Amino acid sequence: MKSIYLSKTEKKILKELRLNTFKIENYKREDLFVAAKRLAKEELISAAFIDGGIESAQIKEKGIFYLNENPTLENPADENKLINMQINELQHKKRIRIPKNIVLYGKLFKIIVAVVYF
């Protein structure tokens, strides 16, 4: 299952619904409404919406499956971060190759000197 970007509130709601510790009173009305709408859109929960708020919510099978696949609810990596990580890795590999070449040339030089000297 592909990773879904979730806010802190959305993560908290999903975890609480899984553990049956979810209480509407613990959230600001607007924050809860927005987070629940988003989770419902992703089909992770089902919720009863009334007048800009929610009356009840429960986790769906897809939400349970998502939590099993991604228990820490880690958000997907940003594409720019991935590109920067790849660039850094390539630059690191370049830095590693240079000293290996210097060592190789040093060994060749010693061999040539030894052959010419003897």
PDB file of N, CA and C in Angstrom:
ATOM      1  N   MET A   1       0.847  -1.175   0.000  1.00  0.00           N
ATOM      2  CA  MET A   1       0.000   0.000   0.000  1.00  0.00           C
ATOM      3  C   MET A   1       0.893   1.238   0.000  1.00  0.00           C
ATOM      4  N   LYS A   2       0.561   2.197  -0.834  1.00  0.00           N
ATOM      5  CA  LYS A   2       1.374   3.409  -0.919  1.00  0.00           C
ATOM      6  C   LYS A   2       1.232   4.244   0.356  1.00  0.00           C
ATOM      7  N   SER A   3       2.303   4.951   0.686  1.00  0.00           N
ATOM      8  CA  SER A   3       2.283   5.815   1.857  1.00  0.00           C
ATOM      9  C   SER A   3       1.421   7.040   1.599  1.00  0.00           C
ATOM     10  N   ILE A   4       0.763   7.502   2.641  1.00  0.00           N
ATOM     11  CA  ILE A   4      -0.100   8.669   2.571  1.00  0.00           C
ATOM     12  C   ILE A   4       0.475   9.717   3.514  1.00  0.00           C
ATOM     13  N   TYR A   5       0.555  10.962   3.048  1.00  0.00           N
ATOM     14  CA  TYR A   5       1.023  12.027   3.927  1.00  0.00           C
ATOM     15  C   TYR A   5      -0.087  12.370   4.915  1.00  0.00           C
ATOM     16  N   LEU A   6       0.216  12.239   6.212  1.00  0.00           N
ATOM     17  CA  LEU A   6      -0.759  12.532   7.265  1.00  0.00           C
ATOM     18  C   LEU A   6      -0.207  13.588   8.209  1.00  0.00           C
ATOM     19  N   SER A   7      -1.078  14.497   8.650  1.00  0.00           N
ATOM     20  CA  SER A   7      -0.690  15.502   9.639  1.00  0.00           C
ATOM     21  C   SER A   7      -0.604  14.841  11.019  1.00  0.00           C
ATOM     22  N   LYS A   8      -0.080  15.575  11.987  1.00  0.00           N
ATOM     23  CA  LYS A   8       0.011  15.046  13.351  1.00  0.00           C
ATOM     24  C   LYS A   8      -1.370  14.710  13.906  1.00  0.00           C
ATOM     25  N   THR A   9      -2.330  15.575  13.642  1.00  0.00           N
ATOM     26  CA  THR A   9      -3.699  15.350  14.126  1.00  0.00           C
ATOM     27  C   THR A   9      -4.290  14.106  13.484  1.00  0.00           C
ATOM     28  N   GLU A  10      -4.092  13.939  12.187  1.00  0.00           N
ATOM     29  CA  GLU A  10      -4.619  12.771  11.488  1.00  0.00           C
ATOM     30  C   GLU A  10      -4.001  11.486  12.017  1.00  0.00           C
ATOM     31  N   LYS A  11      -2.686  11.526  12.271  1.00  0.00           N
ATOM     32  CA  LYS A  11      -2.011  10.355  12.832  1.00  0.00           C
ATOM     33  C   LYS A  11      -2.573  10.013  14.203  1.00  0.00           C
ATOM     34  N   LYS A  12      -2.748  11.045  15.030  1.00  0.00           N
ATOM     35  CA  LYS A  12      -3.251  10.837  16.387  1.00  0.00           C
ATOM     36  C   LYS A  12      -4.662  10.247  16.364  1.00  0.00           C
ATOM     37  N   ILE A  13      -5.519  10.773  15.494  1.00  0.00           N
ATOM     38  CA  ILE A  13      -6.891  10.268  15.394  1.00  0.00           C
ATOM     39  C   ILE A  13      -6.888   8.807  14.965  1.00  0.00           C
ATOM     40  N   LEU A  14      -6.106   8.490  13.957  1.00  0.00           N
ATOM     41  CA  LEU A  14      -6.057   7.119  13.443  1.00  0.00           C
ATOM     42  C   LEU A  14      -5.579   6.137  14.520  1.00  0.00           C
ATOM     43  N   LYS A  15      -4.536   6.522  15.242  1.00  0.00           N
ATOM     44  CA  LYS A  15      -4.028   5.654  16.310  1.00  0.00           C
ATOM     45  C   LYS A  15      -5.045   5.489  17.433  1.00  0.00           C
ATOM     46  N   GLU A  16      -5.693   6.590  17.814  1.00  0.00           N
ATOM     47  CA  GLU A  16      -6.685   6.517  18.889  1.00  0.00           C
ATOM     48  C   GLU A  16      -7.895   5.679  18.487  1.00  0.00           C
ATOM     49  N   LEU A  17      -8.315   5.794  17.238  1.00  0.00           N
ATOM     50  CA  LEU A  17      -9.433   4.973  16.778  1.00  0.00           C
ATOM     51  C   LEU A  17      -9.062   3.496  16.807  1.00  0.00           C
ATOM     52  N   ARG A  18      -7.829   3.194  16.470  1.00  0.00           N
ATOM     53  CA  ARG A  18      -7.364   1.788  16.493  1.00  0.00           C
ATOM     54  C   ARG A  18      -7.364   1.246  17.920  1.00  0.00           C
ATOM     55  N   LEU A  19      -6.991   2.090  18.878  1.00  0.00           N
ATOM     56  CA  LEU A  19      -6.905   1.664  20.280  1.00  0.00           C
ATOM     57  C   LEU A  19      -8.206   1.873  21.056  1.00  0.00           C
ATOM     58  N   ASN A  20      -9.246   2.389  20.379  1.00  0.00           N
ATOM     59  CA  ASN A  20     -10.540   2.695  21.004  1.00  0.00           C
ATOM     60  C   ASN A  20     -10.418   3.715  22.132  1.00  0.00           C
ATOM     61  N   THR A  21      -9.513   4.673  21.984  1.00  0.00           N
ATOM     62  CA  THR A  21      -9.343   5.730  22.988  1.00  0.00           C
ATOM     63  C   THR A  21      -9.716   7.099  22.427  1.00  0.00           C
ATOM     64  N   PHE A  22     -10.342   7.129  21.259  1.00  0.00           N
ATOM     65  CA  PHE A  22     -10.690   8.378  20.593  1.00  0.00           C
ATOM     66  C   PHE A  22     -11.851   9.065  21.310  1.00  0.00           C
ATOM     67  N   LYS A  23     -11.656  10.370  21.606  1.00  0.00           N
ATOM     68  CA  LYS A  23     -12.707  11.191  22.216  1.00  0.00           C
ATOM     69  C   LYS A  23     -12.773  12.513  21.475  1.00  0.00           C
ATOM     70  N   ILE A  24     -13.944  12.849  21.007  1.00  0.00           N
ATOM     71  CA  ILE A  24     -14.146  14.078  20.232  1.00  0.00           C
ATOM     72  C   ILE A  24     -13.759  15.309  21.045  1.00  0.00           C
ATOM     73  N   GLU A  25     -14.000  15.273  22.332  1.00  0.00           N
ATOM     74  CA  GLU A  25     -13.749  16.436  23.206  1.00  0.00           C
ATOM     75  C   GLU A  25     -12.274  16.821  23.279  1.00  0.00           C
ATOM     76  N   ASN A  26     -11.371  15.921  22.916  1.00  0.00           N
ATOM     77  CA  ASN A  26      -9.932  16.187  23.015  1.00  0.00           C
ATOM     78  C   ASN A  26      -9.393  17.043  21.873  1.00  0.00           C
ATOM     79  N   TYR A  27     -10.237  17.418  20.929  1.00  0.00           N
ATOM     80  CA  TYR A  27      -9.795  18.143  19.734  1.00  0.00           C
ATOM     81  C   TYR A  27     -10.590  19.425  19.549  1.00  0.00           C
ATOM     82  N   LYS A  28      -9.947  20.386  18.888  1.00  0.00           N
ATOM     83  CA  LYS A  28     -10.679  21.576  18.460  1.00  0.00           C
ATOM     84  C   LYS A  28     -11.626  21.144  17.347  1.00  0.00           C
ATOM     85  N   ARG A  29     -12.790  21.722  17.324  1.00  0.00           N
ATOM     86  CA  ARG A  29     -13.835  21.322  16.378  1.00  0.00           C
ATOM     87  C   ARG A  29     -13.360  21.407  14.922  1.00  0.00           C
ATOM     88  N   GLU A  30     -12.728  22.525  14.563  1.00  0.00           N
ATOM     89  CA  GLU A  30     -12.293  22.735  13.184  1.00  0.00           C
ATOM     90  C   GLU A  30     -11.172  21.778  12.795  1.00  0.00           C
ATOM     91  N   ASP A  31     -10.196  21.610  13.693  1.00  0.00           N
ATOM     92  CA  ASP A  31      -9.083  20.708  13.413  1.00  0.00           C
ATOM     93  C   ASP A  31      -9.571  19.278  13.216  1.00  0.00           C
ATOM     94  N   LEU A  32     -10.468  18.870  14.081  1.00  0.00           N
ATOM     95  CA  LEU A  32     -11.013  17.516  14.009  1.00  0.00           C
ATOM     96  C   LEU A  32     -11.792  17.315  12.712  1.00  0.00           C
ATOM     97  N   PHE A  33     -12.579  18.313  12.334  1.00  0.00           N
ATOM     98  CA  PHE A  33     -13.384  18.215  11.120  1.00  0.00           C
ATOM     99  C   PHE A  33     -12.493  18.045   9.895  1.00  0.00           C
ATOM    100  N   VAL A  34     -11.469  18.887   9.776  1.00  0.00           N
ATOM    101  CA  VAL A  34     -10.559  18.835   8.624  1.00  0.00           C
ATOM    102  C   VAL A  34      -9.813  17.503   8.578  1.00  0.00           C
ATOM    103  N   ALA A  35      -9.285  17.083   9.724  1.00  0.00           N
ATOM    104  CA  ALA A  35      -8.527  15.831   9.777  1.00  0.00           C
ATOM    105  C   ALA A  35      -9.417  14.626   9.464  1.00  0.00           C
ATOM    106  N   ALA A  36     -10.616  14.609  10.033  1.00  0.00           N
ATOM    107  CA  ALA A  36     -11.530  13.487   9.807  1.00  0.00           C
ATOM    108  C   ALA A  36     -11.980  13.439   8.351  1.00  0.00           C
ATOM    109  N   LYS A  37     -12.238  14.603   7.744  1.00  0.00           N
ATOM    110  CA  LYS A  37     -12.617  14.647   6.325  1.00  0.00           C
ATOM    111  C   LYS A  37     -11.522  14.040   5.458  1.00  0.00           C
ATOM    112  N   ARG A  38     -10.296  14.412   5.755  1.00  0.00           N
ATOM    113  CA  ARG A  38      -9.157  13.901   4.971  1.00  0.00           C
ATOM    114  C   ARG A  38      -8.999  12.400   5.137  1.00  0.00           C
ATOM    115  N   LEU A  39      -9.105  11.923   6.387  1.00  0.00           N
ATOM    116  CA  LEU A  39      -8.996  10.482   6.641  1.00  0.00           C
ATOM    117  C   LEU A  39     -10.140   9.723   5.976  1.00  0.00           C
ATOM    118  N   ALA A  40     -11.324  10.308   5.990  1.00  0.00           N
ATOM    119  CA  ALA A  40     -12.475   9.678   5.336  1.00  0.00           C
ATOM    120  C   ALA A  40     -12.282   9.655   3.816  1.00  0.00           C
ATOM    121  N   LYS A  41     -11.701  10.716   3.269  1.00  0.00           N
ATOM    122  CA  LYS A  41     -11.439  10.772   1.834  1.00  0.00           C
ATOM    123  C   LYS A  41     -10.456   9.678   1.419  1.00  0.00           C
ATOM    124  N   GLU A  42      -9.465   9.416   2.277  1.00  0.00           N
ATOM    125  CA  GLU A  42      -8.486   8.354   2.016  1.00  0.00           C
ATOM    126  C   GLU A  42      -9.049   6.968   2.350  1.00  0.00           C
ATOM    127  N   GLU A  43     -10.290   6.945   2.845  1.00  0.00           N
ATOM    128  CA  GLU A  43     -11.011   5.723   3.215  1.00  0.00           C
ATOM    129  C   GLU A  43     -10.331   4.947   4.341  1.00  0.00           C
ATOM    130  N   LEU A  44      -9.681   5.683   5.254  1.00  0.00           N
ATOM    131  CA  LEU A  44      -9.063   5.062   6.423  1.00  0.00           C
ATOM    132  C   LEU A  44     -10.046   4.996   7.594  1.00  0.00           C
ATOM    133  N   ILE A  45     -10.991   5.948   7.634  1.00  0.00           N
ATOM    134  CA  ILE A  45     -12.007   5.957   8.689  1.00  0.00           C
ATOM    135  C   ILE A  45     -13.375   6.235   8.065  1.00  0.00           C
ATOM    136  N   SER A  46     -14.408   5.967   8.855  1.00  0.00           N
ATOM    137  CA  SER A  46     -15.751   6.433   8.482  1.00  0.00           C
ATOM    138  C   SER A  46     -16.206   7.338   9.618  1.00  0.00           C
ATOM    139  N   ALA A  47     -16.849   8.433   9.268  1.00  0.00           N
ATOM    140  CA  ALA A  47     -17.256   9.411  10.275  1.00  0.00           C
ATOM    141  C   ALA A  47     -18.621   9.987   9.917  1.00  0.00           C
ATOM    142  N   ALA A  48     -19.356  10.363  10.946  1.00  0.00           N
ATOM    143  CA  ALA A  48     -20.649  11.035  10.765  1.00  0.00           C
ATOM    144  C   ALA A  48     -20.417  12.533  10.943  1.00  0.00           C
ATOM    145  N   PHE A  49     -20.565  13.287   9.857  1.00  0.00           N
ATOM    146  CA  PHE A  49     -20.306  14.727   9.865  1.00  0.00           C
ATOM    147  C   PHE A  49     -21.615  15.491  10.046  1.00  0.00           C
ATOM    148  N   ILE A  50     -21.591  16.493  10.954  1.00  0.00           N
ATOM    149  CA  ILE A  50     -22.762  17.353  11.171  1.00  0.00           C
ATOM    150  C   ILE A  50     -22.313  18.792  11.406  1.00  0.00           C
ATOM    151  N   ASP A  51     -22.895  19.726  10.709  1.00  0.00           N
ATOM    152  CA  ASP A  51     -22.691  21.166  10.916  1.00  0.00           C
ATOM    153  C   ASP A  51     -21.237  21.568  11.171  1.00  0.00           C
ATOM    154  N   GLY A  52     -20.328  21.195  10.297  1.00  0.00           N
ATOM    155  CA  GLY A  52     -18.928  21.604  10.431  1.00  0.00           C
ATOM    156  C   GLY A  52     -18.191  20.881  11.537  1.00  0.00           C
ATOM    157  N   GLY A  53     -18.693  19.790  12.003  1.00  0.00           N
ATOM    158  CA  GLY A  53     -18.034  18.982  13.028  1.00  0.00           C
ATOM    159  C   GLY A  53     -18.307  17.509  12.763  1.00  0.00           C
ATOM    160  N   ILE A  54     -17.895  16.668  13.691  1.00  0.00           N
ATOM    161  CA  ILE A  54     -18.204  15.256  13.535  1.00  0.00           C
ATOM    162  C   ILE A  54     -18.922  14.751  14.781  1.00  0.00           C
ATOM    163  N   GLU A  55     -19.777  13.786  14.572  1.00  0.00           N
ATOM    164  CA  GLU A  55     -20.543  13.208  15.673  1.00  0.00           C
ATOM    165  C   GLU A  55     -19.880  11.931  16.180  1.00  0.00           C
ATOM    166  N   SER A  56     -19.389  11.117  15.245  1.00  0.00           N
ATOM    167  CA  SER A  56     -18.715   9.870  15.614  1.00  0.00           C
ATOM    168  C   SER A  56     -17.766   9.464  14.505  1.00  0.00           C
ATOM    169  N   ALA A  57     -16.849   8.582  14.846  1.00  0.00           N
ATOM    170  CA  ALA A  57     -15.894   8.079  13.859  1.00  0.00           C
ATOM    171  C   ALA A  57     -15.436   6.691  14.261  1.00  0.00           C
ATOM    172  N   GLN A  58     -15.101   5.902  13.248  1.00  0.00           N
ATOM    173  CA  GLN A  58     -14.518   4.593  13.523  1.00  0.00           C
ATOM    174  C   GLN A  58     -13.560   4.237  12.400  1.00  0.00           C
ATOM    175  N   ILE A  59     -12.582   3.431  12.743  1.00  0.00           N
ATOM    176  CA  ILE A  59     -11.562   3.057  11.779  1.00  0.00           C
ATOM    177  C   ILE A  59     -12.119   1.985  10.846  1.00  0.00           C
ATOM    178  N   LYS A  60     -11.736   2.089   9.575  1.00  0.00           N
ATOM    179  CA  LYS A  60     -12.155   1.110   8.574  1.00  0.00           C
ATOM    180  C   LYS A  60     -11.073   0.037   8.434  1.00  0.00           C
ATOM    181  N   GLU A  61     -11.418  -1.007   7.711  1.00  0.00           N
ATOM    182  CA  GLU A  61     -10.470  -2.100   7.495  1.00  0.00           C
ATOM    183  C   GLU A  61      -9.202  -1.602   6.796  1.00  0.00           C
ATOM    184  N   LYS A  62      -9.366  -0.691   5.844  1.00  0.00           N
ATOM    185  CA  LYS A  62      -8.209  -0.125   5.149  1.00  0.00           C
ATOM    186  C   LYS A  62      -7.305   0.636   6.126  1.00  0.00           C
ATOM    187  N   GLY A  63      -7.908   1.324   7.113  1.00  0.00           N
ATOM    188  CA  GLY A  63      -7.129   2.037   8.127  1.00  0.00           C
ATOM    189  C   GLY A  63      -6.333   1.083   9.003  1.00  0.00           C
ATOM    190  N   ILE A  64      -6.951  -0.031   9.375  1.00  0.00           N
ATOM    191  CA  ILE A  64      -6.251  -1.045  10.176  1.00  0.00           C
ATOM    192  C   ILE A  64      -5.098  -1.629   9.370  1.00  0.00           C
ATOM    193  N   PHE A  65      -5.358  -1.934   8.109  1.00  0.00           N
ATOM    194  CA  PHE A  65      -4.325  -2.471   7.231  1.00  0.00           C
ATOM    195  C   PHE A  65      -3.180  -1.476   7.080  1.00  0.00           C
ATOM    196  N   TYR A  66      -3.527  -0.184   6.908  1.00  0.00           N
ATOM    197  CA  TYR A  66      -2.499   0.846   6.757  1.00  0.00           C
ATOM    198  C   TYR A  66      -1.639   0.934   8.015  1.00  0.00           C
ATOM    199  N   LEU A  67      -2.259   0.869   9.181  1.00  0.00           N
ATOM    200  CA  LEU A  67      -1.506   0.905  10.437  1.00  0.00           C
ATOM    201  C   LEU A  67      -0.624  -0.329  10.599  1.00  0.00           C
ATOM    202  N   ASN A  68      -1.089  -1.472  10.133  1.00  0.00           N
ATOM    203  CA  ASN A  68      -0.269  -2.680  10.207  1.00  0.00           C
ATOM    204  C   ASN A  68       0.948  -2.578   9.291  1.00  0.00           C
ATOM    205  N   GLU A  69       0.749  -1.995   8.117  1.00  0.00           N
ATOM    206  CA  GLU A  69       1.843  -1.826   7.153  1.00  0.00           C
ATOM    207  C   GLU A  69       2.821  -0.728   7.561  1.00  0.00           C
ATOM    208  N   ASN A  70       2.312   0.308   8.216  1.00  0.00           N
ATOM    209  CA  ASN A  70       3.107   1.478   8.566  1.00  0.00           C
ATOM    210  C   ASN A  70       2.790   1.866  10.014  1.00  0.00           C
ATOM    211  N   PRO A  71       3.238   1.077  11.004  1.00  0.00           N
ATOM    212  CA  PRO A  71       2.839   1.312  12.397  1.00  0.00           C
ATOM    213  C   PRO A  71       3.281   2.659  12.976  1.00  0.00           C
ATOM    214  N   THR A  72       4.360   3.224  12.453  1.00  0.00           N
ATOM    215  CA  THR A  72       4.818   4.530  12.952  1.00  0.00           C
ATOM    216  C   THR A  72       4.161   5.677  12.197  1.00  0.00           C
ATOM    217  N   LEU A  73       3.367   5.344  11.183  1.00  0.00           N
ATOM    218  CA  LEU A  73       2.698   6.326  10.318  1.00  0.00           C
ATOM    219  C   LEU A  73       3.696   7.332   9.751  1.00  0.00           C
ATOM    220  N   GLU A  74       4.811   6.805   9.282  1.00  0.00           N
ATOM    221  CA  GLU A  74       5.842   7.638   8.691  1.00  0.00           C
ATOM    222  C   GLU A  74       5.354   8.181   7.353  1.00  0.00           C
ATOM    223  N   ASN A  75       5.522   9.460   7.155  1.00  0.00           N
ATOM    224  CA  ASN A  75       5.093  10.086   5.909  1.00  0.00           C
ATOM    225  C   ASN A  75       6.046   9.720   4.780  1.00  0.00           C
ATOM    226  N   PRO A  76       5.550   9.698   3.536  1.00  0.00           N
ATOM    227  CA  PRO A  76       6.428   9.405   2.407  1.00  0.00           C
ATOM    228  C   PRO A  76       7.492  10.484   2.266  1.00  0.00           C
ATOM    229  N   ALA A  77       8.637  10.091   1.746  1.00  0.00           N
ATOM    230  CA  ALA A  77       9.745  11.031   1.580  1.00  0.00           C
ATOM    231  C   ALA A  77       9.419  12.036   0.486  1.00  0.00           C
ATOM    232  N   ASP A  78       9.856  13.246   0.702  1.00  0.00           N
ATOM    233  CA  ASP A  78       9.692  14.309  -0.286  1.00  0.00           C
ATOM    234  C   ASP A  78      10.616  14.016  -1.471  1.00  0.00           C
ATOM    235  N   GLU A  79      10.141  14.240  -2.686  1.00  0.00           N
ATOM    236  CA  GLU A  79      10.922  13.947  -3.884  1.00  0.00           C
ATOM    237  C   GLU A  79      12.226  14.736  -3.911  1.00  0.00           C
ATOM    238  N   ASN A  80      12.176  15.992  -3.480  1.00  0.00           N
ATOM    239  CA  ASN A  80      13.400  16.811  -3.455  1.00  0.00           C
ATOM    240  C   ASN A  80      14.417  16.246  -2.482  1.00  0.00           C
ATOM    241  N   LYS A  81      13.944  15.731  -1.335  1.00  0.00           N
ATOM    242  CA  LYS A  81      14.856  15.117  -0.367  1.00  0.00           C
ATOM    243  C   LYS A  81      15.536  13.896  -0.975  1.00  0.00           C
ATOM    244  N   LEU A  82      14.759  13.082  -1.686  1.00  0.00           N
ATOM    245  CA  LEU A  82      15.327  11.887  -2.315  1.00  0.00           C
ATOM    246  C   LEU A  82      16.389  12.259  -3.341  1.00  0.00           C
ATOM    247  N   ILE A  83      16.106  13.270  -4.146  1.00  0.00           N
ATOM    248  CA  ILE A  83      17.075  13.708  -5.152  1.00  0.00           C
ATOM    249  C   ILE A  83      18.345  14.210  -4.481  1.00  0.00           C
ATOM    250  N   ASN A  84      18.206  15.008  -3.419  1.00  0.00           N
ATOM    251  CA  ASN A  84      19.378  15.515  -2.698  1.00  0.00           C
ATOM    252  C   ASN A  84      20.178  14.384  -2.065  1.00  0.00           C
ATOM    253  N   MET A  85      19.478  13.377  -1.538  1.00  0.00           N
ATOM    254  CA  MET A  85      20.172  12.232  -0.950  1.00  0.00           C
ATOM    255  C   MET A  85      20.969  11.480  -2.016  1.00  0.00           C
ATOM    256  N   GLN A  86      20.387  11.317  -3.206  1.00  0.00           N
ATOM    257  CA  GLN A  86      21.088  10.635  -4.291  1.00  0.00           C
ATOM    258  C   GLN A  86      22.308  11.435  -4.741  1.00  0.00           C
ATOM    259  N   ILE A  87      22.165  12.739  -4.834  1.00  0.00           N
ATOM    260  CA  ILE A  87      23.294  13.596  -5.227  1.00  0.00           C
ATOM    261  C   ILE A  87      24.406  13.487  -4.196  1.00  0.00           C
ATOM    262  N   ASN A  88      24.045  13.547  -2.912  1.00  0.00           N
ATOM    263  CA  ASN A  88      25.056  13.431  -1.850  1.00  0.00           C
ATOM    264  C   ASN A  88      25.757  12.085  -1.894  1.00  0.00           C
ATOM    265  N   GLU A  89      25.009  11.033  -2.178  1.00  0.00           N
ATOM    266  CA  GLU A  89      25.605   9.699  -2.257  1.00  0.00           C
ATOM    267  C   GLU A  89      26.600   9.610  -3.413  1.00  0.00           C
ATOM    268  N   LEU A  90      26.231  10.181  -4.563  1.00  0.00           N
ATOM    269  CA  LEU A  90      27.144  10.175  -5.708  1.00  0.00           C
ATOM    270  C   LEU A  90      28.398  10.987  -5.422  1.00  0.00           C
ATOM    271  N   GLN A  91      28.231  12.148  -4.780  1.00  0.00           N
ATOM    272  CA  GLN A  91      29.389  12.961  -4.436  1.00  0.00           C
ATOM    273  C   GLN A  91      30.283  12.221  -3.446  1.00  0.00           C
ATOM    274  N   HIS A  92      29.684  11.504  -2.522  1.00  0.00           N
ATOM    275  CA  HIS A  92      30.456  10.728  -1.545  1.00  0.00           C
ATOM    276  C   HIS A  92      31.253   9.629  -2.257  1.00  0.00           C
ATOM    277  N   LYS A  93      30.610   8.949  -3.215  1.00  0.00           N
ATOM    278  CA  LYS A  93      31.309   7.899  -3.958  1.00  0.00           C
ATOM    279  C   LYS A  93      32.478   8.475  -4.742  1.00  0.00           C
ATOM    280  N   LYS A  94      32.308   9.683  -5.305  1.00  0.00           N
ATOM    281  CA  LYS A  94      33.399  10.333  -6.030  1.00  0.00           C
ATOM    282  C   LYS A  94      34.577  10.600  -5.100  1.00  0.00           C
ATOM    283  N   ARG A  95      34.264  11.074  -3.886  1.00  0.00           N
ATOM    284  CA  ARG A  95      35.322  11.368  -2.914  1.00  0.00           C
ATOM    285  C   ARG A  95      36.060  10.102  -2.506  1.00  0.00           C
ATOM    286  N   ILE A  96      35.369   8.994  -2.461  1.00  0.00           N
ATOM    287  CA  ILE A  96      36.000   7.735  -2.066  1.00  0.00           C
ATOM    288  C   ILE A  96      36.908   7.216  -3.178  1.00  0.00           C
ATOM    289  N   ARG A  97      36.517   7.374  -4.438  1.00  0.00           N
ATOM    290  CA  ARG A  97      37.298   6.870  -5.570  1.00  0.00           C
ATOM    291  C   ARG A  97      38.638   7.576  -5.698  1.00  0.00           C
ATOM    292  N   ILE A  98      38.691   8.844  -5.434  1.00  0.00           N
ATOM    293  CA  ILE A  98      39.928   9.616  -5.621  1.00  0.00           C
ATOM    294  C   ILE A  98      41.058   9.054  -4.753  1.00  0.00           C
ATOM    295  N   PRO A  99      40.861   8.836  -3.452  1.00  0.00           N
ATOM    296  CA  PRO A  99      41.948   8.279  -2.661  1.00  0.00           C
ATOM    297  C   PRO A  99      42.359   6.883  -3.135  1.00  0.00           C
ATOM    298  N   LYS A 100      41.437   6.065  -3.610  1.00  0.00           N
ATOM    299  CA  LYS A 100      41.790   4.736  -4.108  1.00  0.00           C
ATOM    300  C   LYS A 100      42.721   4.859  -5.305  1.00  0.00           C
ATOM    301  N   ASN A 101      42.431   5.824  -6.192  1.00  0.00           N
ATOM    302  CA  ASN A 101      43.291   6.032  -7.363  1.00  0.00           C
ATOM    303  C   ASN A 101      44.673   6.502  -6.943  1.00  0.00           C
ATOM    304  N   ILE A 102      44.732   7.362  -5.957  1.00  0.00           N
ATOM    305  CA  ILE A 102      46.029   7.850  -5.469  1.00  0.00           C
ATOM    306  C   ILE A 102      46.845   6.707  -4.894  1.00  0.00           C
ATOM    307  N   VAL A 103      46.215   5.832  -4.133  1.00  0.00           N
ATOM    308  CA  VAL A 103      46.906   4.669  -3.566  1.00  0.00           C
ATOM    309  C   VAL A 103      47.399   3.768  -4.682  1.00  0.00           C
ATOM    310  N   LEU A 104      46.558   3.551  -5.701  1.00  0.00           N
ATOM    311  CA  LEU A 104      46.944   2.702  -6.833  1.00  0.00           C
ATOM    312  C   LEU A 104      48.161   3.279  -7.548  1.00  0.00           C
ATOM    313  N   TYR A 105      48.132   4.597  -7.810  1.00  0.00           N
ATOM    314  CA  TYR A 105      49.261   5.237  -8.480  1.00  0.00           C
ATOM    315  C   TYR A 105      50.513   5.173  -7.610  1.00  0.00           C
ATOM    316  N   GLY A 106      50.363   5.287  -6.315  1.00  0.00           N
ATOM    317  CA  GLY A 106      51.498   5.189  -5.393  1.00  0.00           C
ATOM    318  C   GLY A 106      52.130   3.810  -5.456  1.00  0.00           C
ATOM    319  N   LYS A 107      51.314   2.770  -5.504  1.00  0.00           N
ATOM    320  CA  LYS A 107      51.831   1.399  -5.584  1.00  0.00           C
ATOM    321  C   LYS A 107      52.554   1.178  -6.916  1.00  0.00           C
ATOM    322  N   LEU A 108      51.940   1.690  -8.016  1.00  0.00           N
ATOM    323  CA  LEU A 108      52.585   1.561  -9.324  1.00  0.00           C
ATOM    324  C   LEU A 108      53.943   2.261  -9.345  1.00  0.00           C
ATOM    325  N   PHE A 109      53.989   3.441  -8.734  1.00  0.00           N
ATOM    326  CA  PHE A 109      55.237   4.188  -8.672  1.00  0.00           C
ATOM    327  C   PHE A 109      56.304   3.396  -7.917  1.00  0.00           C
ATOM    328  N   LYS A 110      55.929   2.781  -6.806  1.00  0.00           N
ATOM    329  CA  LYS A 110      56.890   1.972  -6.009  1.00  0.00           C
ATOM    330  C   LYS A 110      57.394   0.785  -6.823  1.00  0.00           C
ATOM    331  N   ILE A 111      56.505   0.150  -7.580  1.00  0.00           N
ATOM    332  CA  ILE A 111      56.895  -0.999  -8.391  1.00  0.00           C
ATOM    333  C   ILE A 111      57.874  -0.579  -9.480  1.00  0.00           C
ATOM    334  N   ILE A 112      57.561   0.539 -10.146  1.00  0.00           N
ATOM    335  CA  ILE A 112      58.444   1.032 -11.209  1.00  0.00           C
ATOM    336  C   ILE A 112      59.797   1.400 -10.645  1.00  0.00           C
ATOM    337  N   VAL A 113      59.847   2.071  -9.530  1.00  0.00           N
ATOM    338  CA  VAL A 113      61.103   2.462  -8.883  1.00  0.00           C
ATOM    339  C   VAL A 113      61.904   1.208  -8.510  1.00  0.00           C
ATOM    340  N   ALA A 114      61.213   0.191  -7.977  1.00  0.00           N
ATOM    341  CA  ALA A 114      61.884  -1.030  -7.567  1.00  0.00           C
ATOM    342  C   ALA A 114      62.475  -1.750  -8.777  1.00  0.00           C
ATOM    343  N   VAL A 115      61.731  -1.787  -9.885  1.00  0.00           N
ATOM    344  CA  VAL A 115      62.194  -2.467 -11.095  1.00  0.00           C
ATOM    345  C   VAL A 115      63.391  -1.713 -11.683  1.00  0.00           C
ATOM    346  N   VAL A 116      63.307  -0.406 -11.783  1.00  0.00           N
ATOM    347  CA  VAL A 116      64.378   0.390 -12.355  1.00  0.00           C
ATOM    348  C   VAL A 116      65.618   0.358 -11.461  1.00  0.00           C
ATOM    349  N   TYR A 117      65.439   0.373 -10.178  1.00  0.00           N
ATOM    350  CA  TYR A 117      66.554   0.415  -9.238  1.00  0.00           C
ATOM    351  C   TYR A 117      67.340  -0.899  -9.235  1.00  0.00           C
ATOM    352  N   PHE A 118      66.629  -2.018  -9.374  1.00  0.00           N
ATOM    353  CA  PHE A 118      67.318  -3.313  -9.332  1.00  0.00           C
ATOM    354  C   PHE A 118      67.608  -3.737 -10.708  1.00  0.00           C
TER     355      PHE A 118
END
